[in-house]
Amino acid sequence: MTAHGGNYKRHMNRSIREIHIGEFLRKLAQWCEMHNIPLLGASAKYTSQTCHMCGTVDAESRISRDKFICTNCTRVFHADVNAA
């Protein structure tokens, strides 16, 4: 039992799992609008090749699955952290 009476967490997890992405994005946009928060989107195109610090796009920067070294500013990042 939870403070919310019963299996609240289980039902919440199920409802999150079953929601369609379009509905989720619509509700997120509504929430942001109600709270005057800008909702920004980002293209996934070239994120694994783009340095998040200087903006340089170069396939050579992706050294390995885990390592990213910018060919312009020479900064080193974990590839997933840089792409995010």
PDB file of N, CA and C in Angstrom:
ATOM      1  N   MET A   1       0.839  -1.190   0.000  1.00  0.00           N
ATOM      2  CA  MET A   1       0.000   0.000   0.000  1.00  0.00           C
ATOM      3  C   MET A   1       0.880   1.248   0.000  1.00  0.00           C
ATOM      4  N   THR A   2       0.407   2.267  -0.667  1.00  0.00           N
ATOM      5  CA  THR A   2       1.123   3.537  -0.692  1.00  0.00           C
ATOM      6  C   THR A   2       0.258   4.609  -0.051  1.00  0.00           C
ATOM      7  N   ALA A   3       0.842   5.764   0.128  1.00  0.00           N
ATOM      8  CA  ALA A   3       0.105   6.879   0.719  1.00  0.00           C
ATOM      9  C   ALA A   3      -1.059   7.305  -0.167  1.00  0.00           C
ATOM     10  N   HIS A   4      -0.975   7.004  -1.468  1.00  0.00           N
ATOM     11  CA  HIS A   4      -2.040   7.382  -2.395  1.00  0.00           C
ATOM     12  C   HIS A   4      -3.147   6.337  -2.449  1.00  0.00           C
ATOM     13  N   GLY A   5      -3.023   5.307  -1.656  1.00  0.00           N
ATOM     14  CA  GLY A   5      -4.076   4.305  -1.598  1.00  0.00           C
ATOM     15  C   GLY A   5      -3.943   3.234  -2.658  1.00  0.00           C
ATOM     16  N   GLY A   6      -3.236   2.190  -2.336  1.00  0.00           N
ATOM     17  CA  GLY A   6      -3.181   1.055  -3.256  1.00  0.00           C
ATOM     18  C   GLY A   6      -1.960   1.032  -4.144  1.00  0.00           C
ATOM     19  N   ASN A   7      -2.220   0.670  -5.360  1.00  0.00           N
ATOM     20  CA  ASN A   7      -1.136   0.422  -6.302  1.00  0.00           C
ATOM     21  C   ASN A   7      -0.897   1.622  -7.215  1.00  0.00           C
ATOM     22  N   TYR A   8      -0.783   2.773  -6.628  1.00  0.00           N
ATOM     23  CA  TYR A   8      -0.636   4.014  -7.387  1.00  0.00           C
ATOM     24  C   TYR A   8       0.549   3.955  -8.344  1.00  0.00           C
ATOM     25  N   LYS A   9       1.696   3.539  -7.822  1.00  0.00           N
ATOM     26  CA  LYS A   9       2.906   3.521  -8.644  1.00  0.00           C
ATOM     27  C   LYS A   9       2.761   2.562  -9.820  1.00  0.00           C
ATOM     28  N   ARG A  10       2.202   1.407  -9.580  1.00  0.00           N
ATOM     29  CA  ARG A  10       2.036   0.419 -10.648  1.00  0.00           C
ATOM     30  C   ARG A  10       1.126   0.963 -11.743  1.00  0.00           C
ATOM     31  N   HIS A  11       0.034   1.596 -11.361  1.00  0.00           N
ATOM     32  CA  HIS A  11      -0.896   2.150 -12.345  1.00  0.00           C
ATOM     33  C   HIS A  11      -0.284   3.349 -13.079  1.00  0.00           C
ATOM     34  N   MET A  12       0.485   4.165 -12.361  1.00  0.00           N
ATOM     35  CA  MET A  12       1.143   5.299 -12.995  1.00  0.00           C
ATOM     36  C   MET A  12       2.163   4.804 -14.018  1.00  0.00           C
ATOM     37  N   ASN A  13       2.950   3.819 -13.665  1.00  0.00           N
ATOM     38  CA  ASN A  13       3.927   3.262 -14.602  1.00  0.00           C
ATOM     39  C   ASN A  13       3.241   2.701 -15.837  1.00  0.00           C
ATOM     40  N   ARG A  14       2.132   2.020 -15.651  1.00  0.00           N
ATOM     41  CA  ARG A  14       1.401   1.456 -16.786  1.00  0.00           C
ATOM     42  C   ARG A  14       0.873   2.567 -17.688  1.00  0.00           C
ATOM     43  N   SER A  15       0.338   3.634 -17.096  1.00  0.00           N
ATOM     44  CA  SER A  15      -0.209   4.713 -17.918  1.00  0.00           C
ATOM     45  C   SER A  15       0.900   5.435 -18.684  1.00  0.00           C
ATOM     46  N   ILE A  16       2.055   5.578 -18.077  1.00  0.00           N
ATOM     47  CA  ILE A  16       3.187   6.188 -18.777  1.00  0.00           C
ATOM     48  C   ILE A  16       3.635   5.290 -19.921  1.00  0.00           C
ATOM     49  N   ARG A  17       3.673   4.013 -19.682  1.00  0.00           N
ATOM     50  CA  ARG A  17       4.117   3.045 -20.687  1.00  0.00           C
ATOM     51  C   ARG A  17       3.161   2.989 -21.870  1.00  0.00           C
ATOM     52  N   GLU A  18       1.885   3.182 -21.634  1.00  0.00           N
ATOM     53  CA  GLU A  18       0.876   3.016 -22.676  1.00  0.00           C
ATOM     54  C   GLU A  18       0.571   4.301 -23.452  1.00  0.00           C
ATOM     55  N   ILE A  19       1.079   5.424 -23.017  1.00  0.00           N
ATOM     56  CA  ILE A  19       0.777   6.679 -23.695  1.00  0.00           C
ATOM     57  C   ILE A  19       1.504   6.725 -25.045  1.00  0.00           C
ATOM     58  N   HIS A  20       0.859   7.263 -26.029  1.00  0.00           N
ATOM     59  CA  HIS A  20       1.459   7.411 -27.345  1.00  0.00           C
ATOM     60  C   HIS A  20       2.348   8.646 -27.351  1.00  0.00           C
ATOM     61  N   ILE A  21       3.436   8.592 -28.090  1.00  0.00           N
ATOM     62  CA  ILE A  21       4.392   9.697 -28.095  1.00  0.00           C
ATOM     63  C   ILE A  21       3.747  11.002 -28.559  1.00  0.00           C
ATOM     64  N   GLY A  22       2.844  10.936 -29.514  1.00  0.00           N
ATOM     65  CA  GLY A  22       2.168  12.145 -29.983  1.00  0.00           C
ATOM     66  C   GLY A  22       1.346  12.797 -28.892  1.00  0.00           C
ATOM     67  N   GLU A  23       0.650  11.978 -28.125  1.00  0.00           N
ATOM     68  CA  GLU A  23      -0.154  12.495 -27.016  1.00  0.00           C
ATOM     69  C   GLU A  23       0.747  13.086 -25.938  1.00  0.00           C
ATOM     70  N   PHE A  24       1.853  12.403 -25.658  1.00  0.00           N
ATOM     71  CA  PHE A  24       2.805  12.910 -24.671  1.00  0.00           C
ATOM     72  C   PHE A  24       3.332  14.281 -25.085  1.00  0.00           C
ATOM     73  N   LEU A  25       3.742  14.414 -26.351  1.00  0.00           N
ATOM     74  CA  LEU A  25       4.281  15.687 -26.826  1.00  0.00           C
ATOM     75  C   LEU A  25       3.232  16.792 -26.795  1.00  0.00           C
ATOM     76  N   ARG A  26       1.985  16.446 -27.110  1.00  0.00           N
ATOM     77  CA  ARG A  26       0.904  17.428 -27.062  1.00  0.00           C
ATOM     78  C   ARG A  26       0.693  17.914 -25.629  1.00  0.00           C
ATOM     79  N   LYS A  27       0.666  16.988 -24.675  1.00  0.00           N
ATOM     80  CA  LYS A  27       0.469  17.362 -23.271  1.00  0.00           C
ATOM     81  C   LYS A  27       1.657  18.156 -22.738  1.00  0.00           C
ATOM     82  N   LEU A  28       2.848  17.778 -23.162  1.00  0.00           N
ATOM     83  CA  LEU A  28       4.037  18.517 -22.749  1.00  0.00           C
ATOM     84  C   LEU A  28       3.988  19.947 -23.278  1.00  0.00           C
ATOM     85  N   ALA A  29       3.590  20.114 -24.534  1.00  0.00           N
ATOM     86  CA  ALA A  29       3.474  21.448 -25.125  1.00  0.00           C
ATOM     87  C   ALA A  29       2.435  22.286 -24.381  1.00  0.00           C
ATOM     88  N   GLN A  30       1.309  21.681 -24.016  1.00  0.00           N
ATOM     89  CA  GLN A  30       0.265  22.395 -23.268  1.00  0.00           C
ATOM     90  C   GLN A  30       0.784  22.838 -21.904  1.00  0.00           C
ATOM     91  N   TRP A  31       1.489  21.936 -21.216  1.00  0.00           N
ATOM     92  CA  TRP A  31       2.019  22.244 -19.892  1.00  0.00           C
ATOM     93  C   TRP A  31       3.018  23.394 -19.985  1.00  0.00           C
ATOM     94  N   CYS A  32       3.903  23.329 -20.971  1.00  0.00           N
ATOM     95  CA  CYS A  32       4.900  24.388 -21.151  1.00  0.00           C
ATOM     96  C   CYS A  32       4.229  25.725 -21.450  1.00  0.00           C
ATOM     97  N   GLU A  33       3.201  25.693 -22.279  1.00  0.00           N
ATOM     98  CA  GLU A  33       2.479  26.923 -22.612  1.00  0.00           C
ATOM     99  C   GLU A  33       1.804  27.512 -21.375  1.00  0.00           C
ATOM    100  N   MET A  34       1.187  26.668 -20.553  1.00  0.00           N
ATOM    101  CA  MET A  34       0.519  27.137 -19.334  1.00  0.00           C
ATOM    102  C   MET A  34       1.503  27.791 -18.369  1.00  0.00           C
ATOM    103  N   HIS A  35       2.742  27.306 -18.350  1.00  0.00           N
ATOM    104  CA  HIS A  35       3.742  27.803 -17.408  1.00  0.00           C
ATOM    105  C   HIS A  35       4.743  28.762 -18.054  1.00  0.00           C
ATOM    106  N   ASN A  36       4.429  29.216 -19.270  1.00  0.00           N
ATOM    107  CA  ASN A  36       5.287  30.161 -19.999  1.00  0.00           C
ATOM    108  C   ASN A  36       6.735  29.683 -20.106  1.00  0.00           C
ATOM    109  N   ILE A  37       6.887  28.412 -20.436  1.00  0.00           N
ATOM    110  CA  ILE A  37       8.208  27.814 -20.622  1.00  0.00           C
ATOM    111  C   ILE A  37       8.352  27.445 -22.092  1.00  0.00           C
ATOM    112  N   PRO A  38       9.399  27.937 -22.758  1.00  0.00           N
ATOM    113  CA  PRO A  38       9.571  27.587 -24.173  1.00  0.00           C
ATOM    114  C   PRO A  38       9.914  26.107 -24.331  1.00  0.00           C
ATOM    115  N   LEU A  39       9.286  25.473 -25.289  1.00  0.00           N
ATOM    116  CA  LEU A  39       9.562  24.067 -25.592  1.00  0.00           C
ATOM    117  C   LEU A  39      10.417  24.032 -26.845  1.00  0.00           C
ATOM    118  N   LEU A  40      11.639  23.583 -26.691  1.00  0.00           N
ATOM    119  CA  LEU A  40      12.579  23.552 -27.804  1.00  0.00           C
ATOM    120  C   LEU A  40      12.781  22.124 -28.276  1.00  0.00           C
ATOM    121  N   GLY A  41      12.865  21.951 -29.565  1.00  0.00           N
ATOM    122  CA  GLY A  41      13.134  20.642 -30.135  1.00  0.00           C
ATOM    123  C   GLY A  41      14.512  20.641 -30.774  1.00  0.00           C
ATOM    124  N   ALA A  42      15.078  19.476 -30.923  1.00  0.00           N
ATOM    125  CA  ALA A  42      16.393  19.361 -31.549  1.00  0.00           C
ATOM    126  C   ALA A  42      16.379  18.200 -32.521  1.00  0.00           C
ATOM    127  N   SER A  43      17.004  18.417 -33.646  1.00  0.00           N
ATOM    128  CA  SER A  43      17.124  17.356 -34.639  1.00  0.00           C
ATOM    129  C   SER A  43      18.212  16.378 -34.202  1.00  0.00           C
ATOM    130  N   ALA A  44      17.975  15.106 -34.413  1.00  0.00           N
ATOM    131  CA  ALA A  44      18.973  14.089 -34.070  1.00  0.00           C
ATOM    132  C   ALA A  44      20.045  13.961 -35.147  1.00  0.00           C
ATOM    133  N   LYS A  45      19.875  14.683 -36.232  1.00  0.00           N
ATOM    134  CA  LYS A  45      20.801  14.587 -37.358  1.00  0.00           C
ATOM    135  C   LYS A  45      22.190  15.107 -36.967  1.00  0.00           C
ATOM    136  N   TYR A  46      23.190  14.308 -37.177  1.00  0.00           N
ATOM    137  CA  TYR A  46      24.606  14.625 -36.946  1.00  0.00           C
ATOM    138  C   TYR A  46      24.968  14.873 -35.486  1.00  0.00           C
ATOM    139  N   THR A  47      24.145  14.498 -34.532  1.00  0.00           N
ATOM    140  CA  THR A  47      24.484  14.749 -33.130  1.00  0.00           C
ATOM    141  C   THR A  47      25.719  13.974 -32.694  1.00  0.00           C
ATOM    142  N   SER A  48      25.963  12.817 -33.295  1.00  0.00           N
ATOM    143  CA  SER A  48      27.141  12.037 -32.908  1.00  0.00           C
ATOM    144  C   SER A  48      28.417  12.588 -33.537  1.00  0.00           C
ATOM    145  N   GLN A  49      28.292  13.542 -34.460  1.00  0.00           N
ATOM    146  CA  GLN A  49      29.456  14.114 -35.142  1.00  0.00           C
ATOM    147  C   GLN A  49      29.657  15.592 -34.823  1.00  0.00           C
ATOM    148  N   THR A  50      28.775  16.178 -34.025  1.00  0.00           N
ATOM    149  CA  THR A  50      28.807  17.614 -33.743  1.00  0.00           C
ATOM    150  C   THR A  50      29.343  17.884 -32.343  1.00  0.00           C
ATOM    151  N   CYS A  51      30.313  18.781 -32.241  1.00  0.00           N
ATOM    152  CA  CYS A  51      30.843  19.189 -30.941  1.00  0.00           C
ATOM    153  C   CYS A  51      29.828  20.121 -30.281  1.00  0.00           C
ATOM    154  N   HIS A  52      29.420  19.794 -29.065  1.00  0.00           N
ATOM    155  CA  HIS A  52      28.414  20.627 -28.397  1.00  0.00           C
ATOM    156  C   HIS A  52      29.007  21.933 -27.868  1.00  0.00           C
ATOM    157  N   MET A  53      30.323  22.052 -27.843  1.00  0.00           N
ATOM    158  CA  MET A  53      30.953  23.282 -27.364  1.00  0.00           C
ATOM    159  C   MET A  53      31.149  24.310 -28.475  1.00  0.00           C
ATOM    160  N   CYS A  54      31.691  23.879 -29.628  1.00  0.00           N
ATOM    161  CA  CYS A  54      31.998  24.854 -30.687  1.00  0.00           C
ATOM    162  C   CYS A  54      31.103  24.704 -31.912  1.00  0.00           C
ATOM    163  N   GLY A  55      30.349  23.601 -32.002  1.00  0.00           N
ATOM    164  CA  GLY A  55      29.413  23.417 -33.102  1.00  0.00           C
ATOM    165  C   GLY A  55      29.996  22.807 -34.365  1.00  0.00           C
ATOM    166  N   THR A  56      31.262  22.436 -34.346  1.00  0.00           N
ATOM    167  CA  THR A  56      31.896  21.833 -35.520  1.00  0.00           C
ATOM    168  C   THR A  56      31.298  20.462 -35.801  1.00  0.00           C
ATOM    169  N   VAL A  57      30.969  20.207 -37.066  1.00  0.00           N
ATOM    170  CA  VAL A  57      30.453  18.908 -37.489  1.00  0.00           C
ATOM    171  C   VAL A  57      31.539  18.217 -38.293  1.00  0.00           C
ATOM    172  N   ASP A  58      32.012  17.069 -37.794  1.00  0.00           N
ATOM    173  CA  ASP A  58      33.068  16.329 -38.476  1.00  0.00           C
ATOM    174  C   ASP A  58      32.994  14.865 -38.050  1.00  0.00           C
ATOM    175  N   ALA A  59      32.828  13.981 -39.008  1.00  0.00           N
ATOM    176  CA  ALA A  59      32.751  12.545 -38.722  1.00  0.00           C
ATOM    177  C   ALA A  59      34.044  12.028 -38.107  1.00  0.00           C
ATOM    178  N   GLU A  60      35.157  12.694 -38.377  1.00  0.00           N
ATOM    179  CA  GLU A  60      36.462  12.283 -37.833  1.00  0.00           C
ATOM    180  C   GLU A  60      36.536  12.492 -36.316  1.00  0.00           C
ATOM    181  N   SER A  61      35.670  13.327 -35.768  1.00  0.00           N
ATOM    182  CA  SER A  61      35.687  13.600 -34.328  1.00  0.00           C
ATOM    183  C   SER A  61      35.245  12.398 -33.505  1.00  0.00           C
ATOM    184  N   ARG A  62      34.415  11.569 -34.077  1.00  0.00           N
ATOM    185  CA  ARG A  62      33.928  10.384 -33.357  1.00  0.00           C
ATOM    186  C   ARG A  62      35.005   9.310 -33.465  1.00  0.00           C
ATOM    187  N   ILE A  63      35.864   9.244 -32.470  1.00  0.00           N
ATOM    188  CA  ILE A  63      37.017   8.350 -32.472  1.00  0.00           C
ATOM    189  C   ILE A  63      36.599   6.896 -32.325  1.00  0.00           C
ATOM    190  N   SER A  64      35.711   6.640 -31.401  1.00  0.00           N
ATOM    191  CA  SER A  64      35.226   5.281 -31.148  1.00  0.00           C
ATOM    192  C   SER A  64      33.792   5.373 -30.666  1.00  0.00           C
ATOM    193  N   ARG A  65      33.268   4.250 -30.261  1.00  0.00           N
ATOM    194  CA  ARG A  65      31.895   4.229 -29.755  1.00  0.00           C
ATOM    195  C   ARG A  65      31.737   5.123 -28.526  1.00  0.00           C
ATOM    196  N   ASP A  66      32.790   5.207 -27.709  1.00  0.00           N
ATOM    197  CA  ASP A  66      32.716   5.943 -26.449  1.00  0.00           C
ATOM    198  C   ASP A  66      33.440   7.283 -26.443  1.00  0.00           C
ATOM    199  N   LYS A  67      34.323   7.528 -27.409  1.00  0.00           N
ATOM    200  CA  LYS A  67      35.191   8.699 -27.333  1.00  0.00           C
ATOM    201  C   LYS A  67      34.937   9.684 -28.470  1.00  0.00           C
ATOM    202  N   PHE A  68      34.859  10.962 -28.091  1.00  0.00           N
ATOM    203  CA  PHE A  68      34.670  12.055 -29.042  1.00  0.00           C
ATOM    204  C   PHE A  68      35.757  13.091 -28.785  1.00  0.00           C
ATOM    205  N   ILE A  69      36.562  13.402 -29.802  1.00  0.00           N
ATOM    206  CA  ILE A  69      37.568  14.460 -29.715  1.00  0.00           C
ATOM    207  C   ILE A  69      37.301  15.427 -30.859  1.00  0.00           C
ATOM    208  N   CYS A  70      36.967  16.652 -30.524  1.00  0.00           N
ATOM    209  CA  CYS A  70      36.642  17.648 -31.545  1.00  0.00           C
ATOM    210  C   CYS A  70      37.880  17.974 -32.377  1.00  0.00           C
ATOM    211  N   THR A  71      37.733  17.940 -33.692  1.00  0.00           N
ATOM    212  CA  THR A  71      38.847  18.249 -34.587  1.00  0.00           C
ATOM    213  C   THR A  71      39.129  19.745 -34.650  1.00  0.00           C
ATOM    214  N   ASN A  72      38.224  20.566 -34.125  1.00  0.00           N
ATOM    215  CA  ASN A  72      38.418  22.015 -34.144  1.00  0.00           C
ATOM    216  C   ASN A  72      38.954  22.531 -32.808  1.00  0.00           C
ATOM    217  N   CYS A  73      38.240  22.289 -31.728  1.00  0.00           N
ATOM    218  CA  CYS A  73      38.637  22.845 -30.424  1.00  0.00           C
ATOM    219  C   CYS A  73      39.420  21.850 -29.567  1.00  0.00           C
ATOM    220  N   THR A  74      39.577  20.627 -30.024  1.00  0.00           N
ATOM    221  CA  THR A  74      40.346  19.532 -29.386  1.00  0.00           C
ATOM    222  C   THR A  74      39.826  19.119 -28.010  1.00  0.00           C
ATOM    223  N   ARG A  75      38.624  19.494 -27.663  1.00  0.00           N
ATOM    224  CA  ARG A  75      38.057  19.050 -26.388  1.00  0.00           C
ATOM    225  C   ARG A  75      37.675  17.583 -26.484  1.00  0.00           C
ATOM    226  N   VAL A  76      37.773  16.883 -25.364  1.00  0.00           N
ATOM    227  CA  VAL A  76      37.501  15.446 -25.312  1.00  0.00           C
ATOM    228  C   VAL A  76      36.260  15.214 -24.462  1.00  0.00           C
ATOM    229  N   PHE A  77      35.338  14.403 -24.979  1.00  0.00           N
ATOM    230  CA  PHE A  77      34.098  14.088 -24.276  1.00  0.00           C
ATOM    231  C   PHE A  77      33.779  12.617 -24.448  1.00  0.00           C
ATOM    232  N   HIS A  78      32.946  12.100 -23.562  1.00  0.00           N
ATOM    233  CA  HIS A  78      32.324  10.804 -23.815  1.00  0.00           C
ATOM    234  C   HIS A  78      31.342  11.052 -24.956  1.00  0.00           C
ATOM    235  N   ALA A  79      31.345  10.197 -25.948  1.00  0.00           N
ATOM    236  CA  ALA A  79      30.551  10.422 -27.160  1.00  0.00           C
ATOM    237  C   ALA A  79      29.061  10.579 -26.866  1.00  0.00           C
ATOM    238  N   ASP A  80      28.522   9.791 -25.950  1.00  0.00           N
ATOM    239  CA  ASP A  80      27.094   9.882 -25.639  1.00  0.00           C
ATOM    240  C   ASP A  80      26.758  11.188 -24.926  1.00  0.00           C
ATOM    241  N   VAL A  81      27.643  11.637 -24.051  1.00  0.00           N
ATOM    242  CA  VAL A  81      27.425  12.899 -23.337  1.00  0.00           C
ATOM    243  C   VAL A  81      27.460  14.056 -24.330  1.00  0.00           C
ATOM    244  N   ASN A  82      28.414  14.032 -25.243  1.00  0.00           N
ATOM    245  CA  ASN A  82      28.503  15.089 -26.250  1.00  0.00           C
ATOM    246  C   ASN A  82      27.255  15.123 -27.122  1.00  0.00           C
ATOM    247  N   ALA A  83      26.787  13.976 -27.559  1.00  0.00           N
ATOM    248  CA  ALA A  83      25.631  13.911 -28.455  1.00  0.00           C
ATOM    249  C   ALA A  83      24.342  14.343 -27.764  1.00  0.00           C
ATOM    250  N   ALA A  84      24.256  14.139 -26.458  1.00  0.00           N
ATOM    251  CA  ALA A  84      23.040  14.495 -25.733  1.00  0.00           C
ATOM    252  C   ALA A  84      22.913  15.993 -25.617  1.00  0.00           C
TER     253      ALA A  84
END
